[in-house]
């Protein structure tokens, strides 16, 4: 049975990836930082559908926590063969001269250092040179890596652009070890946060949809299905790819 660790799996895109993975035969480790009840609910959803899942707390920016997540996933589910680096937070927002240093540093720790640490833990378990059988890693980036988030979340965009570069490099590095590494770059996905933002800023959503050729916002499942495809055997010759899941969104 394949075992998948999903960071930030308690809500939004991460939770949808967990549920879909569970329905497709993966045993799922639902990682969370603080939302224990939400993570437990995702586990219950998977189990009710006939799958296997556990929830494990851990801050992805803390290496000891990351090791604990992978150790518990292995002990409770079996050898880890898949990783989705989904955990991410926003920074301080606003133009560069107004950035809050500590908020931006914390954002980089979660959005960029976290995937480094999680990939390190996964590779040590999956790489052939470590006695593993290979596996798949998918990093969840953002369309902001392309358009830059100018004037609003430029620090977040920079962290995701760096994640894109990391994906390309580690894919080449780990291919001989049987590990495929790819990246999903979502556009506007209607998470709970984006739904609230749209409600609070009525002009925002129409302005995005005007530049989205498909003509609608993305759903959580749009990102989840793309992620599960990259992890599947159907994508066994795909590594180092950065897949835009944005409805053709035209960046500024």
C-alpha atoms as a PDB file:
ATOM      1  CA  UNK A   1       0.000   0.000   0.000  1.00  0.00           C
ATOM      2  CA  UNK A   2       1.353   3.453  -0.948  1.00  0.00           C
ATOM      3  CA  UNK A   3       1.727   5.950   1.888  1.00  0.00           C
ATOM      4  CA  UNK A   4       1.378   9.688   1.283  1.00  0.00           C
ATOM      5  CA  UNK A   5       2.323  12.550   3.610  1.00  0.00           C
ATOM      6  CA  UNK A   6       0.405  15.774   2.931  1.00  0.00           C
ATOM      7  CA  UNK A   7       1.620  18.834   4.809  1.00  0.00           C
ATOM      8  CA  UNK A   8      -1.030  21.364   5.753  1.00  0.00           C
ATOM      9  CA  UNK A   9      -3.629  18.684   5.131  1.00  0.00           C
ATOM     10  CA  UNK A  10      -6.307  19.843   7.536  1.00  0.00           C
ATOM     11  CA  UNK A  11      -8.086  22.343   5.316  1.00  0.00           C
ATOM     12  CA  UNK A  12      -8.434  23.817   1.841  1.00  0.00           C
ATOM     13  CA  UNK A  13      -6.403  22.345  -0.996  1.00  0.00           C
ATOM     14  CA  UNK A  14      -4.477  20.067   1.357  1.00  0.00           C
ATOM     15  CA  UNK A  15      -7.617  18.509   2.799  1.00  0.00           C
ATOM     16  CA  UNK A  16      -9.040  17.902  -0.677  1.00  0.00           C
ATOM     17  CA  UNK A  17      -5.783  16.223  -1.749  1.00  0.00           C
ATOM     18  CA  UNK A  18      -5.952  13.999   1.337  1.00  0.00           C
ATOM     19  CA  UNK A  19      -9.551  12.947   0.676  1.00  0.00           C
ATOM     20  CA  UNK A  20      -8.946  12.243  -3.006  1.00  0.00           C
ATOM     21  CA  UNK A  21      -5.750  10.316  -2.266  1.00  0.00           C
ATOM     22  CA  UNK A  22      -7.595   8.206   0.294  1.00  0.00           C
ATOM     23  CA  UNK A  23     -10.302   7.390  -2.248  1.00  0.00           C
ATOM     24  CA  UNK A  24      -7.636   6.265  -4.723  1.00  0.00           C
ATOM     25  CA  UNK A  25      -5.949   3.778  -2.444  1.00  0.00           C
ATOM     26  CA  UNK A  26      -3.293   5.836  -0.717  1.00  0.00           C
ATOM     27  CA  UNK A  27      -2.821   5.560   3.031  1.00  0.00           C
ATOM     28  CA  UNK A  28      -2.692   9.202   4.060  1.00  0.00           C
ATOM     29  CA  UNK A  29      -0.814  11.058   6.781  1.00  0.00           C
ATOM     30  CA  UNK A  30      -2.709  14.306   7.337  1.00  0.00           C
ATOM     31  CA  UNK A  31      -0.188  16.758   8.735  1.00  0.00           C
ATOM     32  CA  UNK A  32      -1.360  19.857  10.591  1.00  0.00           C
ATOM     33  CA  UNK A  33       0.245  22.627  12.624  1.00  0.00           C
ATOM     34  CA  UNK A  34      -2.577  23.739  14.948  1.00  0.00           C
ATOM     35  CA  UNK A  35      -5.939  22.627  13.518  1.00  0.00           C
ATOM     36  CA  UNK A  36      -6.213  19.251  15.267  1.00  0.00           C
ATOM     37  CA  UNK A  37     -10.006  19.012  15.016  1.00  0.00           C
ATOM     38  CA  UNK A  38     -10.034  19.843  11.311  1.00  0.00           C
ATOM     39  CA  UNK A  39      -7.314  17.253  10.639  1.00  0.00           C
ATOM     40  CA  UNK A  40      -9.250  14.638  12.617  1.00  0.00           C
ATOM     41  CA  UNK A  41     -12.324  15.404  10.501  1.00  0.00           C
ATOM     42  CA  UNK A  42     -10.345  14.774   7.291  1.00  0.00           C
ATOM     43  CA  UNK A  43      -9.155  11.445   8.714  1.00  0.00           C
ATOM     44  CA  UNK A  44     -12.751  10.519   9.541  1.00  0.00           C
ATOM     45  CA  UNK A  45     -13.878  11.385   6.009  1.00  0.00           C
ATOM     46  CA  UNK A  46     -11.210   9.106   4.550  1.00  0.00           C
ATOM     47  CA  UNK A  47     -11.998   6.263   6.919  1.00  0.00           C
ATOM     48  CA  UNK A  48     -15.743   6.522   6.312  1.00  0.00           C
ATOM     49  CA  UNK A  49     -15.014   6.112   2.602  1.00  0.00           C
ATOM     50  CA  UNK A  50     -13.055   2.936   3.320  1.00  0.00           C
ATOM     51  CA  UNK A  51      -9.529   4.358   3.336  1.00  0.00           C
ATOM     52  CA  UNK A  52      -6.702   4.528   5.868  1.00  0.00           C
ATOM     53  CA  UNK A  53      -5.453   7.762   7.402  1.00  0.00           C
ATOM     54  CA  UNK A  54      -3.832   9.278  10.469  1.00  0.00           C
ATOM     55  CA  UNK A  55      -3.321  12.868  11.563  1.00  0.00           C
ATOM     56  CA  UNK A  56       0.062  14.010  12.878  1.00  0.00           C
ATOM     57  CA  UNK A  57       0.889  17.427  14.303  1.00  0.00           C
ATOM     58  CA  UNK A  58       4.072  19.127  13.216  1.00  0.00           C
ATOM     59  CA  UNK A  59       5.479  22.505  12.181  1.00  0.00           C
ATOM     60  CA  UNK A  60       7.130  21.990   8.786  1.00  0.00           C
ATOM     61  CA  UNK A  61       9.673  24.723   9.561  1.00  0.00           C
ATOM     62  CA  UNK A  62      10.948  22.686  12.535  1.00  0.00           C
ATOM     63  CA  UNK A  63      13.205  19.788  11.536  1.00  0.00           C
ATOM     64  CA  UNK A  64      12.474  17.762  14.682  1.00  0.00           C
ATOM     65  CA  UNK A  65       8.743  18.080  13.993  1.00  0.00           C
ATOM     66  CA  UNK A  66       9.237  17.013  10.373  1.00  0.00           C
ATOM     67  CA  UNK A  67      11.117  13.892  11.465  1.00  0.00           C
ATOM     68  CA  UNK A  68       8.333  13.108  13.908  1.00  0.00           C
ATOM     69  CA  UNK A  69       5.716  13.377  11.159  1.00  0.00           C
ATOM     70  CA  UNK A  70       7.566  10.976   8.890  1.00  0.00           C
ATOM     71  CA  UNK A  71       8.386   8.562  11.696  1.00  0.00           C
ATOM     72  CA  UNK A  72       4.763   8.403  12.833  1.00  0.00           C
ATOM     73  CA  UNK A  73       3.530   8.014   9.266  1.00  0.00           C
ATOM     74  CA  UNK A  74       5.917   5.088   8.767  1.00  0.00           C
ATOM     75  CA  UNK A  75       5.115   3.449  12.104  1.00  0.00           C
ATOM     76  CA  UNK A  76       1.346   3.730  11.700  1.00  0.00           C
ATOM     77  CA  UNK A  77       0.863   3.328   7.945  1.00  0.00           C
ATOM     78  CA  UNK A  78       4.026   1.863   6.421  1.00  0.00           C
ATOM     79  CA  UNK A  79       6.963   3.125   4.339  1.00  0.00           C
ATOM     80  CA  UNK A  80       6.372   6.581   2.888  1.00  0.00           C
ATOM     81  CA  UNK A  81       6.327   6.654  -0.921  1.00  0.00           C
ATOM     82  CA  UNK A  82       4.740  10.044  -1.571  1.00  0.00           C
ATOM     83  CA  UNK A  83       4.894  13.626  -0.308  1.00  0.00           C
ATOM     84  CA  UNK A  84       2.832  16.710  -1.071  1.00  0.00           C
ATOM     85  CA  UNK A  85       4.386  19.937   0.199  1.00  0.00           C
ATOM     86  CA  UNK A  86       1.184  21.919   0.564  1.00  0.00           C
ATOM     87  CA  UNK A  87       1.629  23.810   3.866  1.00  0.00           C
ATOM     88  CA  UNK A  88       1.921  27.517   3.267  1.00  0.00           C
ATOM     89  CA  UNK A  89       1.089  30.882   4.794  1.00  0.00           C
ATOM     90  CA  UNK A  90       0.902  34.484   3.629  1.00  0.00           C
ATOM     91  CA  UNK A  91       3.491  37.037   4.698  1.00  0.00           C
ATOM     92  CA  UNK A  92       3.015  40.586   5.891  1.00  0.00           C
ATOM     93  CA  UNK A  93       1.561  41.945   2.645  1.00  0.00           C
ATOM     94  CA  UNK A  94       1.870  45.392   1.121  1.00  0.00           C
ATOM     95  CA  UNK A  95       4.750  47.007  -0.777  1.00  0.00           C
ATOM     96  CA  UNK A  96       8.345  46.072   0.048  1.00  0.00           C
ATOM     97  CA  UNK A  97       9.023  49.185   2.114  1.00  0.00           C
ATOM     98  CA  UNK A  98       6.125  48.279   4.428  1.00  0.00           C
ATOM     99  CA  UNK A  99       6.943  44.593   4.963  1.00  0.00           C
ATOM    100  CA  UNK A 100       7.057  43.248   8.486  1.00  0.00           C
ATOM    101  CA  UNK A 101      10.401  41.477   8.771  1.00  0.00           C
ATOM    102  CA  UNK A 102       9.287  38.828  11.258  1.00  0.00           C
ATOM    103  CA  UNK A 103       6.096  37.934   9.404  1.00  0.00           C
ATOM    104  CA  UNK A 104       8.003  37.661   6.141  1.00  0.00           C
ATOM    105  CA  UNK A 105      10.749  35.542   7.745  1.00  0.00           C
ATOM    106  CA  UNK A 106       8.154  33.177   9.215  1.00  0.00           C
ATOM    107  CA  UNK A 107       6.455  32.921   5.826  1.00  0.00           C
ATOM    108  CA  UNK A 108       9.736  31.955   4.144  1.00  0.00           C
ATOM    109  CA  UNK A 109      10.384  29.400   6.899  1.00  0.00           C
ATOM    110  CA  UNK A 110       7.045  27.685   6.232  1.00  0.00           C
ATOM    111  CA  UNK A 111       6.761  28.141   2.461  1.00  0.00           C
ATOM    112  CA  UNK A 112      10.361  27.400   1.460  1.00  0.00           C
ATOM    113  CA  UNK A 113      12.403  25.943   4.329  1.00  0.00           C
ATOM    114  CA  UNK A 114       9.490  23.611   5.109  1.00  0.00           C
ATOM    115  CA  UNK A 115       9.559  21.911   1.682  1.00  0.00           C
ATOM    116  CA  UNK A 116      13.358  21.618   1.924  1.00  0.00           C
ATOM    117  CA  UNK A 117      13.089  19.838   5.280  1.00  0.00           C
ATOM    118  CA  UNK A 118      10.195  17.640   4.186  1.00  0.00           C
ATOM    119  CA  UNK A 119      11.967  16.661   0.974  1.00  0.00           C
ATOM    120  CA  UNK A 120      15.064  15.836   3.010  1.00  0.00           C
ATOM    121  CA  UNK A 121      13.038  13.521   5.245  1.00  0.00           C
ATOM    122  CA  UNK A 122      11.216  11.936   2.309  1.00  0.00           C
ATOM    123  CA  UNK A 123      14.366  11.386   0.245  1.00  0.00           C
ATOM    124  CA  UNK A 124      16.113   9.695   3.165  1.00  0.00           C
ATOM    125  CA  UNK A 125      13.283   7.172   3.166  1.00  0.00           C
ATOM    126  CA  UNK A 126      12.523   6.821  -0.551  1.00  0.00           C
ATOM    127  CA  UNK A 127      15.875   7.101  -2.355  1.00  0.00           C
ATOM    128  CA  UNK A 128      17.423   3.898  -3.675  1.00  0.00           C
ATOM    129  CA  UNK A 129      20.754   4.749  -2.086  1.00  0.00           C
ATOM    130  CA  UNK A 130      19.001   4.731   1.291  1.00  0.00           C
ATOM    131  CA  UNK A 131      17.319   1.386   0.645  1.00  0.00           C
ATOM    132  CA  UNK A 132      14.042   2.894  -0.583  1.00  0.00           C
ATOM    133  CA  UNK A 133      11.969   1.995  -3.614  1.00  0.00           C
ATOM    134  CA  UNK A 134      11.595   5.492  -5.020  1.00  0.00           C
ATOM    135  CA  UNK A 135       8.480   7.641  -4.904  1.00  0.00           C
ATOM    136  CA  UNK A 136       6.860  10.911  -5.863  1.00  0.00           C
ATOM    137  CA  UNK A 137       6.910  14.459  -4.518  1.00  0.00           C
ATOM    138  CA  UNK A 138       4.608  17.307  -5.524  1.00  0.00           C
ATOM    139  CA  UNK A 139       5.216  20.868  -4.368  1.00  0.00           C
ATOM    140  CA  UNK A 140       2.241  23.246  -4.276  1.00  0.00           C
ATOM    141  CA  UNK A 141       3.389  26.613  -5.601  1.00  0.00           C
ATOM    142  CA  UNK A 142       1.190  29.491  -6.802  1.00  0.00           C
ATOM    143  CA  UNK A 143       0.428  31.524  -9.887  1.00  0.00           C
ATOM    144  CA  UNK A 144       1.874  34.391  -7.845  1.00  0.00           C
ATOM    145  CA  UNK A 145       5.306  32.994  -8.715  1.00  0.00           C
ATOM    146  CA  UNK A 146       4.625  34.249 -12.254  1.00  0.00           C
ATOM    147  CA  UNK A 147       2.876  37.569 -11.685  1.00  0.00           C
ATOM    148  CA  UNK A 148       4.789  38.617  -8.577  1.00  0.00           C
ATOM    149  CA  UNK A 149       1.993  39.815  -6.301  1.00  0.00           C
ATOM    150  CA  UNK A 150       3.067  43.403  -6.870  1.00  0.00           C
ATOM    151  CA  UNK A 151       1.900  45.782  -4.158  1.00  0.00           C
ATOM    152  CA  UNK A 152       0.057  43.167  -2.141  1.00  0.00           C
ATOM    153  CA  UNK A 153       1.942  39.908  -1.435  1.00  0.00           C
ATOM    154  CA  UNK A 154       5.291  40.213  -3.134  1.00  0.00           C
ATOM    155  CA  UNK A 155       7.061  38.263  -0.367  1.00  0.00           C
ATOM    156  CA  UNK A 156       4.663  35.331  -0.770  1.00  0.00           C
ATOM    157  CA  UNK A 157       5.191  35.376  -4.535  1.00  0.00           C
ATOM    158  CA  UNK A 158       8.958  35.342  -4.063  1.00  0.00           C
ATOM    159  CA  UNK A 159       8.738  32.311  -1.781  1.00  0.00           C
ATOM    160  CA  UNK A 160       6.740  30.428  -4.402  1.00  0.00           C
ATOM    161  CA  UNK A 161       9.084  31.403  -7.230  1.00  0.00           C
ATOM    162  CA  UNK A 162      11.918  29.977  -5.144  1.00  0.00           C
ATOM    163  CA  UNK A 163       9.897  26.790  -4.657  1.00  0.00           C
ATOM    164  CA  UNK A 164       9.568  26.479  -8.438  1.00  0.00           C
ATOM    165  CA  UNK A 165      13.360  26.706  -8.783  1.00  0.00           C
ATOM    166  CA  UNK A 166      13.849  24.170  -5.993  1.00  0.00           C
ATOM    167  CA  UNK A 167      11.474  21.766  -7.732  1.00  0.00           C
ATOM    168  CA  UNK A 168      13.455  21.862 -10.959  1.00  0.00           C
ATOM    169  CA  UNK A 169      16.782  21.312  -9.206  1.00  0.00           C
ATOM    170  CA  UNK A 170      15.766  18.521  -6.830  1.00  0.00           C
ATOM    171  CA  UNK A 171      13.940  16.697  -9.651  1.00  0.00           C
ATOM    172  CA  UNK A 172      17.191  16.429 -11.599  1.00  0.00           C
ATOM    173  CA  UNK A 173      19.157  15.543  -8.478  1.00  0.00           C
ATOM    174  CA  UNK A 174      16.861  12.739  -7.327  1.00  0.00           C
ATOM    175  CA  UNK A 175      15.765  11.195 -10.639  1.00  0.00           C
ATOM    176  CA  UNK A 176      18.533   8.541 -10.504  1.00  0.00           C
ATOM    177  CA  UNK A 177      17.202   7.572  -7.053  1.00  0.00           C
ATOM    178  CA  UNK A 178      13.762   6.732  -8.424  1.00  0.00           C
ATOM    179  CA  UNK A 179      12.119   9.880  -7.055  1.00  0.00           C
ATOM    180  CA  UNK A 180      10.019  12.111  -9.311  1.00  0.00           C
ATOM    181  CA  UNK A 181       9.547  15.718  -8.189  1.00  0.00           C
ATOM    182  CA  UNK A 182       6.959  18.002  -9.756  1.00  0.00           C
ATOM    183  CA  UNK A 183       5.088  21.189  -8.974  1.00  0.00           C
ATOM    184  CA  UNK A 184       1.509  22.458  -9.192  1.00  0.00           C
ATOM    185  CA  UNK A 185       1.020  26.207  -9.668  1.00  0.00           C
ATOM    186  CA  UNK A 186      -2.637  26.979  -8.826  1.00  0.00           C
ATOM    187  CA  UNK A 187      -4.352  30.117  -9.991  1.00  0.00           C
ATOM    188  CA  UNK A 188      -7.462  31.408  -8.249  1.00  0.00           C
ATOM    189  CA  UNK A 189      -8.836  28.476  -6.231  1.00  0.00           C
ATOM    190  CA  UNK A 190     -11.923  29.107  -4.135  1.00  0.00           C
ATOM    191  CA  UNK A 191     -10.591  28.149  -0.743  1.00  0.00           C
ATOM    192  CA  UNK A 192     -12.406  29.395   2.358  1.00  0.00           C
ATOM    193  CA  UNK A 193      -9.973  32.290   2.546  1.00  0.00           C
ATOM    194  CA  UNK A 194     -10.588  33.344  -1.044  1.00  0.00           C
ATOM    195  CA  UNK A 195     -14.338  32.998  -0.617  1.00  0.00           C
ATOM    196  CA  UNK A 196     -14.188  35.396   2.333  1.00  0.00           C
ATOM    197  CA  UNK A 197     -11.886  37.789   0.460  1.00  0.00           C
ATOM    198  CA  UNK A 198     -14.291  37.825  -2.486  1.00  0.00           C
ATOM    199  CA  UNK A 199     -17.179  38.602  -0.163  1.00  0.00           C
ATOM    200  CA  UNK A 200     -15.266  41.454   1.460  1.00  0.00           C
ATOM    201  CA  UNK A 201     -13.944  42.858  -1.856  1.00  0.00           C
ATOM    202  CA  UNK A 202     -16.748  42.659  -4.460  1.00  0.00           C
ATOM    203  CA  UNK A 203     -14.607  43.939  -7.358  1.00  0.00           C
ATOM    204  CA  UNK A 204     -11.808  41.441  -6.856  1.00  0.00           C
ATOM    205  CA  UNK A 205     -13.269  38.217  -8.248  1.00  0.00           C
ATOM    206  CA  UNK A 206     -14.705  39.756 -11.451  1.00  0.00           C
ATOM    207  CA  UNK A 207     -11.322  41.329 -12.214  1.00  0.00           C
ATOM    208  CA  UNK A 208      -9.618  37.926 -11.968  1.00  0.00           C
ATOM    209  CA  UNK A 209     -12.270  36.155 -14.029  1.00  0.00           C
ATOM    210  CA  UNK A 210     -11.869  38.720 -16.810  1.00  0.00           C
ATOM    211  CA  UNK A 211      -8.328  37.393 -17.274  1.00  0.00           C
ATOM    212  CA  UNK A 212      -9.256  33.714 -16.928  1.00  0.00           C
ATOM    213  CA  UNK A 213     -10.098  32.254 -20.364  1.00  0.00           C
ATOM    214  CA  UNK A 214     -11.990  29.276 -18.923  1.00  0.00           C
ATOM    215  CA  UNK A 215     -14.288  31.820 -17.267  1.00  0.00           C
ATOM    216  CA  UNK A 216     -14.580  30.459 -13.758  1.00  0.00           C
ATOM    217  CA  UNK A 217     -12.622  30.232 -10.540  1.00  0.00           C
ATOM    218  CA  UNK A 218     -10.879  26.992  -9.719  1.00  0.00           C
ATOM    219  CA  UNK A 219     -12.320  24.468  -7.293  1.00  0.00           C
ATOM    220  CA  UNK A 220     -10.334  22.569  -4.674  1.00  0.00           C
ATOM    221  CA  UNK A 221     -10.700  19.386  -6.707  1.00  0.00           C
ATOM    222  CA  UNK A 222      -9.035  20.991  -9.735  1.00  0.00           C
ATOM    223  CA  UNK A 223      -5.757  21.190  -7.839  1.00  0.00           C
ATOM    224  CA  UNK A 224      -6.215  17.825  -6.113  1.00  0.00           C
ATOM    225  CA  UNK A 225      -6.797  15.864  -9.320  1.00  0.00           C
ATOM    226  CA  UNK A 226      -3.719  17.393 -10.959  1.00  0.00           C
ATOM    227  CA  UNK A 227      -1.644  16.556  -7.892  1.00  0.00           C
ATOM    228  CA  UNK A 228      -2.810  12.940  -7.780  1.00  0.00           C
ATOM    229  CA  UNK A 229      -2.089  12.542 -11.488  1.00  0.00           C
ATOM    230  CA  UNK A 230       1.506  13.680 -10.963  1.00  0.00           C
ATOM    231  CA  UNK A 231       1.859  11.121  -8.164  1.00  0.00           C
ATOM    232  CA  UNK A 232       0.359   8.317 -10.253  1.00  0.00           C
ATOM    233  CA  UNK A 233       2.016   5.793 -12.546  1.00  0.00           C
ATOM    234  CA  UNK A 234       0.361   7.598 -15.465  1.00  0.00           C
ATOM    235  CA  UNK A 235       2.960  10.342 -14.935  1.00  0.00           C
ATOM    236  CA  UNK A 236       5.908   7.998 -14.469  1.00  0.00           C
ATOM    237  CA  UNK A 237       7.950   9.798 -17.171  1.00  0.00           C
ATOM    238  CA  UNK A 238       7.192  13.253 -15.755  1.00  0.00           C
ATOM    239  CA  UNK A 239       9.649  14.955 -13.418  1.00  0.00           C
ATOM    240  CA  UNK A 240      10.717  18.558 -12.982  1.00  0.00           C
ATOM    241  CA  UNK A 241       7.399  19.744 -14.430  1.00  0.00           C
ATOM    242  CA  UNK A 242       5.636  22.892 -13.241  1.00  0.00           C
ATOM    243  CA  UNK A 243       1.969  22.554 -14.097  1.00  0.00           C
ATOM    244  CA  UNK A 244      -0.240  25.656 -14.128  1.00  0.00           C
ATOM    245  CA  UNK A 245      -3.738  24.887 -12.843  1.00  0.00           C
ATOM    246  CA  UNK A 246      -5.200  28.311 -13.457  1.00  0.00           C
ATOM    247  CA  UNK A 247      -7.848  28.140 -16.163  1.00  0.00           C
ATOM    248  CA  UNK A 248      -5.424  29.883 -18.516  1.00  0.00           C
ATOM    249  CA  UNK A 249      -5.138  32.890 -16.248  1.00  0.00           C
ATOM    250  CA  UNK A 250      -3.345  35.698 -18.078  1.00  0.00           C
ATOM    251  CA  UNK A 251      -0.789  37.238 -15.740  1.00  0.00           C
ATOM    252  CA  UNK A 252      -0.186  41.010 -15.788  1.00  0.00           C
END
